[in-house]
Amino acid sequence: MTVDNKITFAEYFLDKIKNAQNREDFLPNLSAFLSETKSIADYLLEDYNLKFRLGISLKQTLTAKTFKEKACDKTNLDALKFISLLQT
């Protein structure tokens, strides 16, 4: 799955929220929308882990902290710039 997929899914659930006629339609779609939007940052981290060739494996927990640490270890200025933008 890609970041674009996650954004598309989030847009789908946002549209469902906008068109909800009652609470039963609104709440599950709100939950799905929040879940999809929250996961976008995780997918961005993985995409840029690959793009910048940081080498963080799928066995490791990929967080902004681990991304930044690996970028520092490799002195990857582009990766450091990316993570600083993501954290603001």
N, C-alpha and C. Protein backbone atom coordinates (compact mmCIF):
# COMPACT_ATOMS: atom_id res chain seq x y z
N MET A 1 0.84 -1.17 0.00
CA MET A 1 0.00 0.00 0.00
C MET A 1 0.90 1.24 0.00
N THR A 2 0.44 2.28 -0.63
CA THR A 2 1.23 3.50 -0.74
C THR A 2 0.57 4.66 -0.01
N VAL A 3 1.33 5.74 0.12
CA VAL A 3 0.79 6.96 0.72
C VAL A 3 -0.41 7.44 -0.08
N ASP A 4 -0.31 7.37 -1.39
CA ASP A 4 -1.43 7.81 -2.24
C ASP A 4 -2.69 7.00 -1.95
N ASN A 5 -2.53 5.69 -1.73
CA ASN A 5 -3.69 4.86 -1.37
C ASN A 5 -4.31 5.34 -0.06
N LYS A 6 -3.46 5.61 0.92
CA LYS A 6 -3.95 6.05 2.22
C LYS A 6 -4.70 7.38 2.10
N ILE A 7 -4.19 8.28 1.30
CA ILE A 7 -4.87 9.56 1.10
C ILE A 7 -6.20 9.35 0.40
N THR A 8 -6.23 8.47 -0.59
CA THR A 8 -7.48 8.16 -1.29
C THR A 8 -8.51 7.58 -0.33
N PHE A 9 -8.08 6.66 0.53
CA PHE A 9 -8.99 6.08 1.51
C PHE A 9 -9.50 7.14 2.48
N ALA A 10 -8.61 8.00 2.93
CA ALA A 10 -9.02 9.07 3.86
C ALA A 10 -10.06 9.98 3.19
N GLU A 11 -9.84 10.31 1.92
CA GLU A 11 -10.79 11.15 1.19
C GLU A 11 -12.15 10.44 1.06
N TYR A 12 -12.11 9.14 0.84
CA TYR A 12 -13.35 8.37 0.74
C TYR A 12 -14.17 8.48 2.04
N PHE A 13 -13.49 8.26 3.17
CA PHE A 13 -14.20 8.32 4.45
C PHE A 13 -14.62 9.75 4.80
N LEU A 14 -13.84 10.74 4.39
CA LEU A 14 -14.23 12.13 4.60
C LEU A 14 -15.51 12.44 3.84
N ASP A 15 -15.61 11.94 2.63
CA ASP A 15 -16.83 12.14 1.84
C ASP A 15 -18.02 11.47 2.53
N LYS A 16 -17.81 10.28 3.08
CA LYS A 16 -18.88 9.59 3.81
C LYS A 16 -19.31 10.40 5.03
N ILE A 17 -18.36 11.02 5.72
CA ILE A 17 -18.67 11.85 6.89
C ILE A 17 -19.51 13.05 6.47
N LYS A 18 -19.10 13.68 5.40
CA LYS A 18 -19.82 14.87 4.92
C LYS A 18 -21.27 14.55 4.55
N ASN A 19 -21.49 13.33 4.08
CA ASN A 19 -22.83 12.95 3.61
C ASN A 19 -23.62 12.13 4.63
N ALA A 20 -23.08 11.98 5.82
CA ALA A 20 -23.77 11.17 6.84
C ALA A 20 -25.09 11.84 7.23
N GLN A 21 -26.11 11.03 7.32
CA GLN A 21 -27.44 11.52 7.67
C GLN A 21 -27.76 11.31 9.15
N ASN A 22 -27.01 10.40 9.78
CA ASN A 22 -27.28 10.10 11.19
C ASN A 22 -26.00 9.65 11.88
N ARG A 23 -26.10 9.52 13.17
CA ARG A 23 -24.94 9.16 14.00
C ARG A 23 -24.36 7.79 13.62
N GLU A 24 -25.22 6.84 13.28
CA GLU A 24 -24.79 5.50 12.92
C GLU A 24 -23.94 5.49 11.65
N ASP A 25 -24.18 6.43 10.75
CA ASP A 25 -23.35 6.56 9.54
C ASP A 25 -22.10 7.38 9.81
N PHE A 26 -22.21 8.35 10.71
CA PHE A 26 -21.12 9.27 10.97
C PHE A 26 -19.96 8.63 11.75
N LEU A 27 -20.27 8.00 12.87
CA LEU A 27 -19.23 7.54 13.79
C LEU A 27 -18.26 6.50 13.20
N PRO A 28 -18.73 5.44 12.54
CA PRO A 28 -17.77 4.48 12.01
C PRO A 28 -16.90 5.09 10.90
N ASN A 29 -17.47 5.99 10.13
CA ASN A 29 -16.68 6.64 9.07
C ASN A 29 -15.69 7.63 9.65
N LEU A 30 -16.05 8.27 10.74
CA LEU A 30 -15.11 9.16 11.41
C LEU A 30 -13.93 8.34 11.94
N SER A 31 -14.22 7.23 12.55
CA SER A 31 -13.17 6.36 13.07
C SER A 31 -12.23 5.89 11.95
N ALA A 32 -12.81 5.48 10.84
CA ALA A 32 -11.99 5.03 9.70
C ALA A 32 -11.17 6.18 9.12
N PHE A 33 -11.76 7.36 9.02
CA PHE A 33 -11.05 8.53 8.52
C PHE A 33 -9.85 8.85 9.40
N LEU A 34 -10.07 8.87 10.72
CA LEU A 34 -8.97 9.17 11.64
C LEU A 34 -7.87 8.13 11.56
N SER A 35 -8.24 6.89 11.44
CA SER A 35 -7.26 5.82 11.32
C SER A 35 -6.42 5.97 10.05
N GLU A 36 -7.09 6.24 8.95
CA GLU A 36 -6.38 6.41 7.67
C GLU A 36 -5.45 7.62 7.70
N THR A 37 -5.92 8.74 8.23
CA THR A 37 -5.07 9.93 8.24
C THR A 37 -3.89 9.76 9.18
N LYS A 38 -4.09 9.08 10.30
CA LYS A 38 -2.99 8.85 11.24
C LYS A 38 -1.91 7.98 10.61
N SER A 39 -2.28 7.04 9.78
CA SER A 39 -1.31 6.12 9.19
C SER A 39 -0.49 6.75 8.05
N ILE A 40 -0.91 7.89 7.55
CA ILE A 40 -0.19 8.52 6.44
C ILE A 40 1.25 8.81 6.82
N ALA A 41 1.50 9.32 8.01
CA ALA A 41 2.87 9.62 8.45
C ALA A 41 3.72 8.35 8.49
N ASP A 42 3.14 7.24 8.93
CA ASP A 42 3.89 5.98 8.96
C ASP A 42 4.29 5.53 7.56
N TYR A 43 3.39 5.67 6.63
CA TYR A 43 3.69 5.29 5.25
C TYR A 43 4.71 6.23 4.62
N LEU A 44 4.64 7.50 4.97
CA LEU A 44 5.65 8.44 4.49
C LEU A 44 7.04 8.07 5.01
N LEU A 45 7.11 7.72 6.28
CA LEU A 45 8.40 7.31 6.85
C LEU A 45 8.97 6.12 6.10
N GLU A 46 8.16 5.14 5.83
CA GLU A 46 8.65 3.95 5.11
C GLU A 46 9.06 4.31 3.68
N ASP A 47 8.25 5.10 2.99
CA ASP A 47 8.61 5.50 1.62
C ASP A 47 9.95 6.23 1.60
N TYR A 48 10.15 7.13 2.56
CA TYR A 48 11.38 7.91 2.57
C TYR A 48 12.54 7.13 3.17
N ASN A 49 12.28 6.14 3.99
CA ASN A 49 13.32 5.21 4.42
C ASN A 49 13.92 4.53 3.19
N LEU A 50 13.07 4.11 2.28
CA LEU A 50 13.53 3.48 1.05
C LEU A 50 14.18 4.49 0.11
N LYS A 51 13.55 5.64 -0.05
CA LYS A 51 14.07 6.66 -0.97
C LYS A 51 15.48 7.11 -0.58
N PHE A 52 15.70 7.31 0.71
CA PHE A 52 17.00 7.78 1.18
C PHE A 52 17.95 6.64 1.52
N ARG A 53 17.50 5.41 1.26
CA ARG A 53 18.33 4.22 1.49
C ARG A 53 18.91 4.17 2.91
N LEU A 54 18.03 4.40 3.89
CA LEU A 54 18.49 4.39 5.27
C LEU A 54 18.69 2.97 5.80
N GLY A 55 18.01 2.01 5.23
CA GLY A 55 18.20 0.62 5.61
C GLY A 55 17.52 0.19 6.90
N ILE A 56 16.48 0.89 7.29
CA ILE A 56 15.73 0.48 8.47
C ILE A 56 14.83 -0.67 8.04
N SER A 57 15.05 -1.84 8.62
CA SER A 57 14.33 -3.03 8.18
C SER A 57 12.90 -3.04 8.72
N LEU A 58 12.10 -3.90 8.13
CA LEU A 58 10.71 -4.05 8.58
C LEU A 58 10.64 -4.69 9.95
N LYS A 59 11.73 -5.33 10.40
CA LYS A 59 11.76 -5.93 11.73
C LYS A 59 11.95 -4.88 12.82
N GLN A 60 12.46 -3.72 12.44
CA GLN A 60 12.64 -2.63 13.39
C GLN A 60 11.39 -1.78 13.44
N THR A 61 11.16 -1.15 14.57
CA THR A 61 10.05 -0.21 14.68
C THR A 61 10.48 1.10 14.04
N LEU A 62 9.76 1.50 13.02
CA LEU A 62 10.09 2.73 12.30
C LEU A 62 9.30 3.89 12.88
N THR A 63 10.02 4.75 13.57
CA THR A 63 9.43 5.96 14.15
C THR A 63 10.23 7.15 13.65
N ALA A 64 9.74 8.33 13.92
CA ALA A 64 10.49 9.53 13.55
C ALA A 64 11.85 9.52 14.24
N LYS A 65 11.90 9.03 15.46
CA LYS A 65 13.16 8.98 16.21
C LYS A 65 14.16 8.03 15.55
N THR A 66 13.72 6.81 15.21
CA THR A 66 14.65 5.86 14.58
C THR A 66 15.07 6.34 13.20
N PHE A 67 14.15 6.98 12.48
CA PHE A 67 14.46 7.55 11.17
C PHE A 67 15.56 8.60 11.32
N LYS A 68 15.38 9.50 12.27
CA LYS A 68 16.35 10.58 12.49
C LYS A 68 17.70 10.03 12.94
N GLU A 69 17.68 9.05 13.82
CA GLU A 69 18.94 8.44 14.28
C GLU A 69 19.71 7.81 13.13
N LYS A 70 19.01 7.08 12.27
CA LYS A 70 19.65 6.43 11.13
C LYS A 70 20.16 7.47 10.14
N ALA A 71 19.38 8.52 9.92
CA ALA A 71 19.80 9.59 9.02
C ALA A 71 21.05 10.28 9.56
N CYS A 72 21.12 10.47 10.87
CA CYS A 72 22.32 11.06 11.51
C CYS A 72 23.51 10.13 11.35
N ASP A 73 23.30 8.83 11.59
CA ASP A 73 24.38 7.85 11.46
C ASP A 73 24.97 7.86 10.05
N LYS A 74 24.11 8.03 9.06
CA LYS A 74 24.56 8.01 7.67
C LYS A 74 24.89 9.41 7.14
N THR A 75 24.74 10.42 8.00
CA THR A 75 24.94 11.82 7.62
C THR A 75 24.18 12.13 6.33
N ASN A 76 22.92 11.72 6.30
CA ASN A 76 22.07 11.95 5.14
C ASN A 76 21.29 13.25 5.36
N LEU A 77 21.82 14.33 4.80
CA LEU A 77 21.23 15.65 5.03
C LEU A 77 19.81 15.78 4.47
N ASP A 78 19.56 15.13 3.34
CA ASP A 78 18.20 15.18 2.76
C ASP A 78 17.19 14.48 3.67
N ALA A 79 17.59 13.35 4.24
CA ALA A 79 16.71 12.63 5.16
C ALA A 79 16.48 13.44 6.43
N LEU A 80 17.53 14.10 6.92
CA LEU A 80 17.39 14.93 8.11
C LEU A 80 16.46 16.11 7.85
N LYS A 81 16.58 16.69 6.67
CA LYS A 81 15.69 17.81 6.31
C LYS A 81 14.24 17.32 6.24
N PHE A 82 14.04 16.15 5.62
CA PHE A 82 12.70 15.59 5.51
C PHE A 82 12.08 15.38 6.89
N ILE A 83 12.82 14.72 7.79
CA ILE A 83 12.26 14.40 9.10
C ILE A 83 12.00 15.65 9.92
N SER A 84 12.81 16.67 9.74
CA SER A 84 12.56 17.92 10.47
C SER A 84 11.27 18.58 9.97
N LEU A 85 10.97 18.46 8.69
CA LEU A 85 9.72 19.00 8.13
C LEU A 85 8.53 18.19 8.63
N LEU A 86 8.69 16.88 8.70
CA LEU A 86 7.60 16.01 9.14
C LEU A 86 7.26 16.23 10.60
N GLN A 87 8.26 16.59 11.40
CA GLN A 87 8.04 16.76 12.84
C GLN A 87 7.52 18.12 13.22
N THR A 88 7.43 19.05 12.28
CA THR A 88 6.93 20.39 12.62
C THR A 88 5.44 20.47 12.46
